[in-house]
């Protein structure tokens, strides 16, 4: 099976993919896009490399899901509505079973969020997946990292740490019974991007970011861009009962520096607390207030006894971890 046969068989969807912002999709040297009047484009790219971002044992359906999910999470963090994406694949070989499963997981999530595959590239090489997503938000309403202000509350969506707990299981450092392992493995391999919540937070949140490299590291990006500090309450961080049953040191690692959560961390003025909760409820997405923004620089974490942690784990870094 050649490159163009591969594209036609697994990634071209007759009768779909044109209309709306995608005027002309797959089949030409460039896609033709038509932005919606009054909107701004929001564009992001993420790459997944085998052995670095995913294990070779992951099911292809789950890999297709996650490849798109991590990109949709970036759009969610900016309050964008997903519109189109581009897929570039390096494949060791044209494995039809792998490609069928990968495309199934990819398009199932794409259909949930109404995003269209508009183009991309394929080549031979070590397994590498790169997706570029494009979304829209009303002009001037995108959520960014530089708007946090002293007195704002810090919120997170969903629960944190299960993906890192699954990784520790794969590394042989933790033992979990089958049902518990499957639950944390689902969190690692099938994250659910908080797209609806991101859109609902436009006009409420003062800043936002998605959690890909751990709470401390990602929140640190917001603090740096906004020129502020923060205090977090470790006891307030939402976690599953599976993680809550683990030793305290492991819980801290998973909650603060786990990565791969793909939840949203965002800030909002305290006066908007009721509105934030209402917006989250309308999206059927749990949110938890976990701290506050300070004028004093730096990121501080209070332990369960109300004492500042003297040592904190590092977030994920591609060139250090």
C-alpha atoms as a PDB file:
ATOM      1  CA  UNK A   1       0.000   0.000   0.000  1.00  0.00           C
ATOM      2  CA  UNK A   2       1.497   3.326  -1.096  1.00  0.00           C
ATOM      3  CA  UNK A   3       1.318   6.730   0.562  1.00  0.00           C
ATOM      4  CA  UNK A   4      -1.638   8.039  -1.427  1.00  0.00           C
ATOM      5  CA  UNK A   5      -3.548   4.777  -1.143  1.00  0.00           C
ATOM      6  CA  UNK A   6      -3.009   4.993   2.624  1.00  0.00           C
ATOM      7  CA  UNK A   7      -4.384   8.538   2.764  1.00  0.00           C
ATOM      8  CA  UNK A   8      -7.373   7.706   0.576  1.00  0.00           C
ATOM      9  CA  UNK A   9      -8.258   4.566   2.525  1.00  0.00           C
ATOM     10  CA  UNK A  10      -7.822   5.698   6.122  1.00  0.00           C
ATOM     11  CA  UNK A  11      -7.927   9.502   6.234  1.00  0.00           C
ATOM     12  CA  UNK A  12     -10.219  10.689   3.434  1.00  0.00           C
ATOM     13  CA  UNK A  13     -13.892  10.824   4.338  1.00  0.00           C
ATOM     14  CA  UNK A  14     -16.069  11.279   1.215  1.00  0.00           C
ATOM     15  CA  UNK A  15     -18.845  13.783   1.635  1.00  0.00           C
ATOM     16  CA  UNK A  16     -17.303  15.215   4.782  1.00  0.00           C
ATOM     17  CA  UNK A  17     -14.669  17.789   5.538  1.00  0.00           C
ATOM     18  CA  UNK A  18     -15.856  20.680   3.413  1.00  0.00           C
ATOM     19  CA  UNK A  19     -18.165  23.479   4.391  1.00  0.00           C
ATOM     20  CA  UNK A  20     -17.878  25.897   7.284  1.00  0.00           C
ATOM     21  CA  UNK A  21     -14.345  27.183   7.681  1.00  0.00           C
ATOM     22  CA  UNK A  22     -12.875  24.384   5.520  1.00  0.00           C
ATOM     23  CA  UNK A  23     -13.659  25.477   1.976  1.00  0.00           C
ATOM     24  CA  UNK A  24     -11.454  22.794   0.406  1.00  0.00           C
ATOM     25  CA  UNK A  25      -9.757  20.055   2.376  1.00  0.00           C
ATOM     26  CA  UNK A  26      -7.690  16.994   1.450  1.00  0.00           C
ATOM     27  CA  UNK A  27      -6.707  16.624  -2.207  1.00  0.00           C
ATOM     28  CA  UNK A  28      -4.744  19.758  -3.087  1.00  0.00           C
ATOM     29  CA  UNK A  29      -1.360  21.211  -2.168  1.00  0.00           C
ATOM     30  CA  UNK A  30      -3.023  23.474   0.387  1.00  0.00           C
ATOM     31  CA  UNK A  31      -6.282  23.449   2.260  1.00  0.00           C
ATOM     32  CA  UNK A  32      -8.523  26.446   1.667  1.00  0.00           C
ATOM     33  CA  UNK A  33      -9.945  27.879   4.884  1.00  0.00           C
ATOM     34  CA  UNK A  34     -12.468  30.661   5.346  1.00  0.00           C
ATOM     35  CA  UNK A  35     -12.397  32.274   8.802  1.00  0.00           C
ATOM     36  CA  UNK A  36     -15.712  33.235  10.342  1.00  0.00           C
ATOM     37  CA  UNK A  37     -16.268  37.009  10.430  1.00  0.00           C
ATOM     38  CA  UNK A  38     -15.546  38.523  13.838  1.00  0.00           C
ATOM     39  CA  UNK A  39     -13.445  35.551  14.935  1.00  0.00           C
ATOM     40  CA  UNK A  40      -9.726  35.085  15.484  1.00  0.00           C
ATOM     41  CA  UNK A  41      -7.800  31.927  14.632  1.00  0.00           C
ATOM     42  CA  UNK A  42      -6.116  30.004  17.444  1.00  0.00           C
ATOM     43  CA  UNK A  43      -3.512  27.491  16.273  1.00  0.00           C
ATOM     44  CA  UNK A  44      -1.474  24.905  18.191  1.00  0.00           C
ATOM     45  CA  UNK A  45       0.787  21.949  17.388  1.00  0.00           C
ATOM     46  CA  UNK A  46       1.721  18.895  19.449  1.00  0.00           C
ATOM     47  CA  UNK A  47       3.938  15.961  18.591  1.00  0.00           C
ATOM     48  CA  UNK A  48       3.758  12.451  20.073  1.00  0.00           C
ATOM     49  CA  UNK A  49       6.878  10.285  19.788  1.00  0.00           C
ATOM     50  CA  UNK A  50       6.825   6.552  20.521  1.00  0.00           C
ATOM     51  CA  UNK A  51       8.766   5.748  23.664  1.00  0.00           C
ATOM     52  CA  UNK A  52       8.640   9.362  24.817  1.00  0.00           C
ATOM     53  CA  UNK A  53       4.954  10.238  24.878  1.00  0.00           C
ATOM     54  CA  UNK A  54       3.326   6.822  24.574  1.00  0.00           C
ATOM     55  CA  UNK A  55       4.194   3.167  25.060  1.00  0.00           C
ATOM     56  CA  UNK A  56       4.463   0.748  22.161  1.00  0.00           C
ATOM     57  CA  UNK A  57       1.765  -1.386  23.812  1.00  0.00           C
ATOM     58  CA  UNK A  58      -0.990   1.256  23.593  1.00  0.00           C
ATOM     59  CA  UNK A  59      -3.971   0.238  21.457  1.00  0.00           C
ATOM     60  CA  UNK A  60      -4.051   2.145  18.122  1.00  0.00           C
ATOM     61  CA  UNK A  61      -7.624   3.368  18.788  1.00  0.00           C
ATOM     62  CA  UNK A  62      -6.442   4.947  22.017  1.00  0.00           C
ATOM     63  CA  UNK A  63      -3.394   6.422  20.358  1.00  0.00           C
ATOM     64  CA  UNK A  64      -5.561   8.069  17.695  1.00  0.00           C
ATOM     65  CA  UNK A  65      -7.807   9.468  20.418  1.00  0.00           C
ATOM     66  CA  UNK A  66      -4.944  10.819  22.516  1.00  0.00           C
ATOM     67  CA  UNK A  67      -3.075  12.322  19.567  1.00  0.00           C
ATOM     68  CA  UNK A  68      -6.036  14.585  18.855  1.00  0.00           C
ATOM     69  CA  UNK A  69      -7.092  15.013  22.492  1.00  0.00           C
ATOM     70  CA  UNK A  70      -3.835  16.641  23.582  1.00  0.00           C
ATOM     71  CA  UNK A  71      -4.219  19.199  20.810  1.00  0.00           C
ATOM     72  CA  UNK A  72      -7.879  19.850  21.523  1.00  0.00           C
ATOM     73  CA  UNK A  73      -6.838  20.459  25.129  1.00  0.00           C
ATOM     74  CA  UNK A  74      -4.715  23.394  23.951  1.00  0.00           C
ATOM     75  CA  UNK A  75      -7.744  24.872  22.188  1.00  0.00           C
ATOM     76  CA  UNK A  76      -9.788  24.306  25.346  1.00  0.00           C
ATOM     77  CA  UNK A  77      -7.239  26.223  27.419  1.00  0.00           C
ATOM     78  CA  UNK A  78      -7.721  29.219  25.132  1.00  0.00           C
ATOM     79  CA  UNK A  79     -11.520  29.011  25.050  1.00  0.00           C
ATOM     80  CA  UNK A  80     -11.535  28.165  21.345  1.00  0.00           C
ATOM     81  CA  UNK A  81     -14.093  26.342  19.242  1.00  0.00           C
ATOM     82  CA  UNK A  82     -12.329  23.549  17.259  1.00  0.00           C
ATOM     83  CA  UNK A  83     -12.560  23.905  13.485  1.00  0.00           C
ATOM     84  CA  UNK A  84      -9.861  22.051  11.539  1.00  0.00           C
ATOM     85  CA  UNK A  85      -6.752  19.949  12.074  1.00  0.00           C
ATOM     86  CA  UNK A  86      -3.769  18.702  10.107  1.00  0.00           C
ATOM     87  CA  UNK A  87      -2.155  15.312  10.687  1.00  0.00           C
ATOM     88  CA  UNK A  88       1.449  14.355   9.908  1.00  0.00           C
ATOM     89  CA  UNK A  89       2.433  10.726  10.400  1.00  0.00           C
ATOM     90  CA  UNK A  90       5.789   8.972  10.260  1.00  0.00           C
ATOM     91  CA  UNK A  91       5.209   5.216  10.110  1.00  0.00           C
ATOM     92  CA  UNK A  92       7.699   2.353  10.296  1.00  0.00           C
ATOM     93  CA  UNK A  93       5.449   0.496   7.836  1.00  0.00           C
ATOM     94  CA  UNK A  94       1.962   0.734   6.356  1.00  0.00           C
ATOM     95  CA  UNK A  95       0.274  -1.521   8.917  1.00  0.00           C
ATOM     96  CA  UNK A  96      -3.388  -1.700   7.930  1.00  0.00           C
ATOM     97  CA  UNK A  97      -4.552  -2.991  11.318  1.00  0.00           C
ATOM     98  CA  UNK A  98      -2.775  -0.174  13.123  1.00  0.00           C
ATOM     99  CA  UNK A  99      -4.017   2.468  10.702  1.00  0.00           C
ATOM    100  CA  UNK A 100      -7.634   1.305  10.874  1.00  0.00           C
ATOM    101  CA  UNK A 101      -7.632   1.454  14.661  1.00  0.00           C
ATOM    102  CA  UNK A 102      -5.754   4.751  14.787  1.00  0.00           C
ATOM    103  CA  UNK A 103      -8.170   6.395  12.332  1.00  0.00           C
ATOM    104  CA  UNK A 104     -11.155   5.011  14.255  1.00  0.00           C
ATOM    105  CA  UNK A 105     -10.023   6.590  17.543  1.00  0.00           C
ATOM    106  CA  UNK A 106      -8.968   9.811  15.845  1.00  0.00           C
ATOM    107  CA  UNK A 107     -12.222  10.402  13.983  1.00  0.00           C
ATOM    108  CA  UNK A 108     -14.451   9.317  16.855  1.00  0.00           C
ATOM    109  CA  UNK A 109     -13.065  12.165  18.954  1.00  0.00           C
ATOM    110  CA  UNK A 110     -13.020  14.553  15.979  1.00  0.00           C
ATOM    111  CA  UNK A 111     -16.730  13.958  15.419  1.00  0.00           C
ATOM    112  CA  UNK A 112     -17.531  14.615  19.088  1.00  0.00           C
ATOM    113  CA  UNK A 113     -15.970  18.073  18.789  1.00  0.00           C
ATOM    114  CA  UNK A 114     -16.939  18.866  15.199  1.00  0.00           C
ATOM    115  CA  UNK A 115     -13.377  19.299  13.967  1.00  0.00           C
ATOM    116  CA  UNK A 116     -12.417  18.415  10.385  1.00  0.00           C
ATOM    117  CA  UNK A 117      -9.219  16.817   9.069  1.00  0.00           C
ATOM    118  CA  UNK A 118      -8.110  19.306   6.405  1.00  0.00           C
ATOM    119  CA  UNK A 119      -4.733  17.896   5.340  1.00  0.00           C
ATOM    120  CA  UNK A 120      -1.330  16.697   6.458  1.00  0.00           C
ATOM    121  CA  UNK A 121       1.560  14.469   5.417  1.00  0.00           C
ATOM    122  CA  UNK A 122       2.762  10.875   5.675  1.00  0.00           C
ATOM    123  CA  UNK A 123       6.243   9.405   5.446  1.00  0.00           C
ATOM    124  CA  UNK A 124       8.242   6.357   6.453  1.00  0.00           C
ATOM    125  CA  UNK A 125      10.215   6.516   9.695  1.00  0.00           C
ATOM    126  CA  UNK A 126      10.048   5.869  13.443  1.00  0.00           C
ATOM    127  CA  UNK A 127       6.473   6.226  14.701  1.00  0.00           C
ATOM    128  CA  UNK A 128       5.822   9.920  15.184  1.00  0.00           C
ATOM    129  CA  UNK A 129       2.473  11.722  15.225  1.00  0.00           C
ATOM    130  CA  UNK A 130       2.181  15.473  14.789  1.00  0.00           C
ATOM    131  CA  UNK A 131      -1.148  17.294  14.769  1.00  0.00           C
ATOM    132  CA  UNK A 132      -1.840  20.973  14.206  1.00  0.00           C
ATOM    133  CA  UNK A 133      -5.241  22.199  15.364  1.00  0.00           C
ATOM    134  CA  UNK A 134      -7.069  25.361  14.401  1.00  0.00           C
ATOM    135  CA  UNK A 135      -9.892  26.902  16.374  1.00  0.00           C
ATOM    136  CA  UNK A 136     -11.804  30.150  16.619  1.00  0.00           C
ATOM    137  CA  UNK A 137     -12.772  32.540  19.387  1.00  0.00           C
ATOM    138  CA  UNK A 138     -14.534  35.906  19.249  1.00  0.00           C
ATOM    139  CA  UNK A 139     -12.056  38.684  18.690  1.00  0.00           C
ATOM    140  CA  UNK A 140     -10.340  39.660  21.935  1.00  0.00           C
ATOM    141  CA  UNK A 141     -11.967  36.881  23.992  1.00  0.00           C
ATOM    142  CA  UNK A 142      -9.324  34.132  23.847  1.00  0.00           C
ATOM    143  CA  UNK A 143      -8.124  32.914  27.242  1.00  0.00           C
ATOM    144  CA  UNK A 144      -4.402  33.553  27.657  1.00  0.00           C
ATOM    145  CA  UNK A 145      -1.746  33.020  30.315  1.00  0.00           C
ATOM    146  CA  UNK A 146      -0.986  36.656  31.153  1.00  0.00           C
ATOM    147  CA  UNK A 147      -4.186  37.811  32.870  1.00  0.00           C
ATOM    148  CA  UNK A 148      -3.884  36.412  36.411  1.00  0.00           C
ATOM    149  CA  UNK A 149      -4.073  39.115  39.097  1.00  0.00           C
ATOM    150  CA  UNK A 150      -3.506  39.134  42.887  1.00  0.00           C
ATOM    151  CA  UNK A 151      -6.671  38.015  44.658  1.00  0.00           C
ATOM    152  CA  UNK A 152      -7.803  35.736  41.823  1.00  0.00           C
ATOM    153  CA  UNK A 153      -8.771  32.208  42.763  1.00  0.00           C
ATOM    154  CA  UNK A 154      -7.032  29.234  41.156  1.00  0.00           C
ATOM    155  CA  UNK A 155      -9.240  26.442  39.834  1.00  0.00           C
ATOM    156  CA  UNK A 156      -8.642  23.035  38.285  1.00  0.00           C
ATOM    157  CA  UNK A 157     -11.059  20.845  36.363  1.00  0.00           C
ATOM    158  CA  UNK A 158     -11.584  17.149  36.919  1.00  0.00           C
ATOM    159  CA  UNK A 159      -9.096  15.140  38.964  1.00  0.00           C
ATOM    160  CA  UNK A 160      -5.325  15.120  38.893  1.00  0.00           C
ATOM    161  CA  UNK A 161      -2.602  12.525  39.113  1.00  0.00           C
ATOM    162  CA  UNK A 162      -4.124   9.303  37.779  1.00  0.00           C
ATOM    163  CA  UNK A 163      -2.142   9.374  34.527  1.00  0.00           C
ATOM    164  CA  UNK A 164       1.140   9.609  36.434  1.00  0.00           C
ATOM    165  CA  UNK A 165       0.008   6.810  38.744  1.00  0.00           C
ATOM    166  CA  UNK A 166      -0.555   4.629  35.667  1.00  0.00           C
ATOM    167  CA  UNK A 167       2.947   5.464  34.438  1.00  0.00           C
ATOM    168  CA  UNK A 168       4.388   4.424  37.804  1.00  0.00           C
ATOM    169  CA  UNK A 169       2.480   1.152  37.425  1.00  0.00           C
ATOM    170  CA  UNK A 170       3.973   0.569  33.968  1.00  0.00           C
ATOM    171  CA  UNK A 171       7.415   1.299  35.414  1.00  0.00           C
ATOM    172  CA  UNK A 172       6.891  -1.401  38.027  1.00  0.00           C
ATOM    173  CA  UNK A 173       7.024   0.993  40.977  1.00  0.00           C
ATOM    174  CA  UNK A 174       3.372   0.605  42.016  1.00  0.00           C
ATOM    175  CA  UNK A 175       1.085  -2.410  42.188  1.00  0.00           C
ATOM    176  CA  UNK A 176      -2.651  -1.962  41.620  1.00  0.00           C
ATOM    177  CA  UNK A 177      -5.423  -4.537  41.225  1.00  0.00           C
ATOM    178  CA  UNK A 178      -6.854  -4.943  37.736  1.00  0.00           C
ATOM    179  CA  UNK A 179      -9.914  -2.668  37.995  1.00  0.00           C
ATOM    180  CA  UNK A 180      -7.957   0.166  39.620  1.00  0.00           C
ATOM    181  CA  UNK A 181      -5.156  -0.142  37.101  1.00  0.00           C
ATOM    182  CA  UNK A 182      -7.639   0.051  34.224  1.00  0.00           C
ATOM    183  CA  UNK A 183      -9.144   3.233  35.660  1.00  0.00           C
ATOM    184  CA  UNK A 184      -5.824   5.039  35.890  1.00  0.00           C
ATOM    185  CA  UNK A 185      -4.725   3.621  32.548  1.00  0.00           C
ATOM    186  CA  UNK A 186      -7.858   5.121  30.985  1.00  0.00           C
ATOM    187  CA  UNK A 187      -6.822   8.504  32.378  1.00  0.00           C
ATOM    188  CA  UNK A 188      -3.379   8.131  30.812  1.00  0.00           C
ATOM    189  CA  UNK A 189      -4.420   6.817  27.411  1.00  0.00           C
ATOM    190  CA  UNK A 190      -7.847   8.438  26.860  1.00  0.00           C
ATOM    191  CA  UNK A 191      -7.828  11.977  28.285  1.00  0.00           C
ATOM    192  CA  UNK A 192     -10.978  14.017  27.675  1.00  0.00           C
ATOM    193  CA  UNK A 193     -10.226  17.576  26.506  1.00  0.00           C
ATOM    194  CA  UNK A 194     -12.285  20.190  28.354  1.00  0.00           C
ATOM    195  CA  UNK A 195     -13.396  22.044  25.233  1.00  0.00           C
ATOM    196  CA  UNK A 196     -16.877  23.005  26.438  1.00  0.00           C
ATOM    197  CA  UNK A 197     -15.528  24.290  29.748  1.00  0.00           C
ATOM    198  CA  UNK A 198     -12.921  26.435  28.021  1.00  0.00           C
ATOM    199  CA  UNK A 199     -15.580  28.106  25.901  1.00  0.00           C
ATOM    200  CA  UNK A 200     -17.827  28.608  28.941  1.00  0.00           C
ATOM    201  CA  UNK A 201     -15.002  30.378  30.781  1.00  0.00           C
ATOM    202  CA  UNK A 202     -14.639  33.140  28.192  1.00  0.00           C
ATOM    203  CA  UNK A 203     -15.374  36.383  29.990  1.00  0.00           C
ATOM    204  CA  UNK A 204     -14.982  34.731  33.413  1.00  0.00           C
ATOM    205  CA  UNK A 205     -11.443  33.355  33.637  1.00  0.00           C
ATOM    206  CA  UNK A 206      -8.546  35.806  33.796  1.00  0.00           C
ATOM    207  CA  UNK A 207      -5.995  33.213  32.596  1.00  0.00           C
ATOM    208  CA  UNK A 208      -5.867  29.537  31.692  1.00  0.00           C
ATOM    209  CA  UNK A 209      -3.555  26.720  30.651  1.00  0.00           C
ATOM    210  CA  UNK A 210      -3.962  22.997  30.145  1.00  0.00           C
ATOM    211  CA  UNK A 211      -2.139  20.527  32.369  1.00  0.00           C
ATOM    212  CA  UNK A 212       0.258  18.515  30.243  1.00  0.00           C
ATOM    213  CA  UNK A 213       3.532  18.751  32.196  1.00  0.00           C
ATOM    214  CA  UNK A 214       2.272  18.844  35.787  1.00  0.00           C
ATOM    215  CA  UNK A 215       0.455  21.398  37.927  1.00  0.00           C
ATOM    216  CA  UNK A 216       3.551  23.119  39.319  1.00  0.00           C
ATOM    217  CA  UNK A 217       5.222  23.490  35.947  1.00  0.00           C
ATOM    218  CA  UNK A 218       2.161  24.562  33.978  1.00  0.00           C
ATOM    219  CA  UNK A 219       0.855  26.948  36.625  1.00  0.00           C
ATOM    220  CA  UNK A 220       4.377  28.339  36.773  1.00  0.00           C
ATOM    221  CA  UNK A 221       4.042  29.404  33.132  1.00  0.00           C
ATOM    222  CA  UNK A 222       0.934  31.411  34.025  1.00  0.00           C
ATOM    223  CA  UNK A 223       2.667  33.052  36.986  1.00  0.00           C
ATOM    224  CA  UNK A 224       5.658  34.025  34.883  1.00  0.00           C
ATOM    225  CA  UNK A 225       3.555  35.494  32.063  1.00  0.00           C
ATOM    226  CA  UNK A 226       1.279  37.318  34.515  1.00  0.00           C
ATOM    227  CA  UNK A 227       4.055  38.575  36.801  1.00  0.00           C
ATOM    228  CA  UNK A 228       2.441  37.197  39.974  1.00  0.00           C
ATOM    229  CA  UNK A 229       2.854  34.411  42.541  1.00  0.00           C
ATOM    230  CA  UNK A 230       0.507  31.811  43.985  1.00  0.00           C
ATOM    231  CA  UNK A 231      -0.319  29.681  46.998  1.00  0.00           C
ATOM    232  CA  UNK A 232      -1.842  26.218  46.553  1.00  0.00           C
ATOM    233  CA  UNK A 233      -3.488  23.993  49.151  1.00  0.00           C
ATOM    234  CA  UNK A 234      -2.335  20.394  48.669  1.00  0.00           C
ATOM    235  CA  UNK A 235      -5.363  19.039  50.533  1.00  0.00           C
ATOM    236  CA  UNK A 236      -7.714  20.787  48.088  1.00  0.00           C
ATOM    237  CA  UNK A 237      -6.281  19.153  44.965  1.00  0.00           C
ATOM    238  CA  UNK A 238      -8.940  16.805  43.521  1.00  0.00           C
ATOM    239  CA  UNK A 239      -7.883  13.170  43.238  1.00  0.00           C
ATOM    240  CA  UNK A 240      -9.453   9.777  42.687  1.00  0.00           C
ATOM    241  CA  UNK A 241      -9.957   7.315  45.501  1.00  0.00           C
ATOM    242  CA  UNK A 242      -7.324   5.148  43.820  1.00  0.00           C
ATOM    243  CA  UNK A 243      -4.688   7.844  44.158  1.00  0.00           C
ATOM    244  CA  UNK A 244      -5.926   8.861  47.613  1.00  0.00           C
ATOM    245  CA  UNK A 245      -5.094   5.359  48.852  1.00  0.00           C
ATOM    246  CA  UNK A 246      -1.415   5.711  47.870  1.00  0.00           C
ATOM    247  CA  UNK A 247       1.429   6.869  50.152  1.00  0.00           C
ATOM    248  CA  UNK A 248       1.586  10.629  50.735  1.00  0.00           C
ATOM    249  CA  UNK A 249       4.867  11.089  48.859  1.00  0.00           C
ATOM    250  CA  UNK A 250       3.510   9.359  45.771  1.00  0.00           C
ATOM    251  CA  UNK A 251       0.309  11.393  45.913  1.00  0.00           C
ATOM    252  CA  UNK A 252       2.323  14.609  45.979  1.00  0.00           C
ATOM    253  CA  UNK A 253       4.401  13.531  43.008  1.00  0.00           C
ATOM    254  CA  UNK A 254       1.358  12.591  40.948  1.00  0.00           C
ATOM    255  CA  UNK A 255      -0.709  15.646  41.900  1.00  0.00           C
ATOM    256  CA  UNK A 256       1.970  18.313  41.615  1.00  0.00           C
ATOM    257  CA  UNK A 257       4.253  17.049  38.872  1.00  0.00           C
ATOM    258  CA  UNK A 258       2.489  14.119  37.239  1.00  0.00           C
ATOM    259  CA  UNK A 259       1.703  15.506  33.821  1.00  0.00           C
ATOM    260  CA  UNK A 260      -0.578  14.027  31.156  1.00  0.00           C
ATOM    261  CA  UNK A 261      -3.720  15.139  33.023  1.00  0.00           C
ATOM    262  CA  UNK A 262      -5.034  17.404  30.238  1.00  0.00           C
ATOM    263  CA  UNK A 263      -7.293  19.162  32.686  1.00  0.00           C
ATOM    264  CA  UNK A 264      -7.563  22.952  32.791  1.00  0.00           C
ATOM    265  CA  UNK A 265      -6.042  25.150  35.467  1.00  0.00           C
ATOM    266  CA  UNK A 266      -7.447  28.663  35.355  1.00  0.00           C
ATOM    267  CA  UNK A 267      -7.761  31.787  37.435  1.00  0.00           C
ATOM    268  CA  UNK A 268     -10.787  33.989  37.993  1.00  0.00           C
ATOM    269  CA  UNK A 269     -11.676  36.908  40.271  1.00  0.00           C
ATOM    270  CA  UNK A 270     -13.189  35.768  43.576  1.00  0.00           C
ATOM    271  CA  UNK A 271     -16.352  37.707  42.709  1.00  0.00           C
ATOM    272  CA  UNK A 272     -16.904  35.295  39.789  1.00  0.00           C
ATOM    273  CA  UNK A 273     -16.932  32.154  41.954  1.00  0.00           C
ATOM    274  CA  UNK A 274     -20.656  31.486  41.578  1.00  0.00           C
ATOM    275  CA  UNK A 275     -20.494  32.141  37.833  1.00  0.00           C
ATOM    276  CA  UNK A 276     -17.523  29.777  37.451  1.00  0.00           C
ATOM    277  CA  UNK A 277     -19.371  27.012  39.272  1.00  0.00           C
ATOM    278  CA  UNK A 278     -22.476  27.587  37.160  1.00  0.00           C
ATOM    279  CA  UNK A 279     -20.458  27.495  33.925  1.00  0.00           C
ATOM    280  CA  UNK A 280     -18.787  24.253  34.983  1.00  0.00           C
ATOM    281  CA  UNK A 281     -22.100  22.690  35.993  1.00  0.00           C
ATOM    282  CA  UNK A 282     -23.584  23.590  32.610  1.00  0.00           C
ATOM    283  CA  UNK A 283     -20.708  21.648  31.007  1.00  0.00           C
ATOM    284  CA  UNK A 284     -21.077  18.734  33.444  1.00  0.00           C
ATOM    285  CA  UNK A 285     -17.418  19.244  34.361  1.00  0.00           C
ATOM    286  CA  UNK A 286     -16.346  19.320  38.027  1.00  0.00           C
ATOM    287  CA  UNK A 287     -14.076  22.189  39.066  1.00  0.00           C
ATOM    288  CA  UNK A 288     -12.262  22.779  42.344  1.00  0.00           C
ATOM    289  CA  UNK A 289     -10.791  25.943  43.844  1.00  0.00           C
ATOM    290  CA  UNK A 290      -7.266  24.986  44.938  1.00  0.00           C
ATOM    291  CA  UNK A 291      -5.528  28.248  45.817  1.00  0.00           C
ATOM    292  CA  UNK A 292      -5.117  31.934  45.128  1.00  0.00           C
ATOM    293  CA  UNK A 293      -2.923  34.317  43.184  1.00  0.00           C
ATOM    294  CA  UNK A 294      -0.515  36.436  45.254  1.00  0.00           C
ATOM    295  CA  UNK A 295       1.363  39.645  44.571  1.00  0.00           C
ATOM    296  CA  UNK A 296       4.509  38.019  45.981  1.00  0.00           C
ATOM    297  CA  UNK A 297       6.478  36.154  43.312  1.00  0.00           C
ATOM    298  CA  UNK A 298       6.924  32.410  43.560  1.00  0.00           C
ATOM    299  CA  UNK A 299       4.760  29.332  43.932  1.00  0.00           C
ATOM    300  CA  UNK A 300       4.031  28.060  47.429  1.00  0.00           C
ATOM    301  CA  UNK A 301       2.223  24.881  48.458  1.00  0.00           C
ATOM    302  CA  UNK A 302       0.612  24.306  51.831  1.00  0.00           C
ATOM    303  CA  UNK A 303       0.625  20.715  53.044  1.00  0.00           C
ATOM    304  CA  UNK A 304      -2.260  19.002  54.844  1.00  0.00           C
ATOM    305  CA  UNK A 305      -1.148  20.546  58.134  1.00  0.00           C
ATOM    306  CA  UNK A 306      -1.082  24.071  56.715  1.00  0.00           C
ATOM    307  CA  UNK A 307       2.715  24.222  56.546  1.00  0.00           C
ATOM    308  CA  UNK A 308       4.628  25.263  53.436  1.00  0.00           C
ATOM    309  CA  UNK A 309       6.323  22.411  51.614  1.00  0.00           C
ATOM    310  CA  UNK A 310      10.082  22.852  51.781  1.00  0.00           C
ATOM    311  CA  UNK A 311      10.769  20.672  48.736  1.00  0.00           C
ATOM    312  CA  UNK A 312       8.588  20.191  45.681  1.00  0.00           C
ATOM    313  CA  UNK A 313       8.898  17.833  42.689  1.00  0.00           C
ATOM    314  CA  UNK A 314       9.831  19.198  39.272  1.00  0.00           C
ATOM    315  CA  UNK A 315       7.395  19.261  36.392  1.00  0.00           C
ATOM    316  CA  UNK A 316       8.035  17.368  33.164  1.00  0.00           C
ATOM    317  CA  UNK A 317      10.709  18.700  30.805  1.00  0.00           C
ATOM    318  CA  UNK A 318      11.327  16.947  27.464  1.00  0.00           C
ATOM    319  CA  UNK A 319      15.073  17.502  27.677  1.00  0.00           C
ATOM    320  CA  UNK A 320      15.523  16.773  31.392  1.00  0.00           C
ATOM    321  CA  UNK A 321      12.990  14.076  32.281  1.00  0.00           C
END
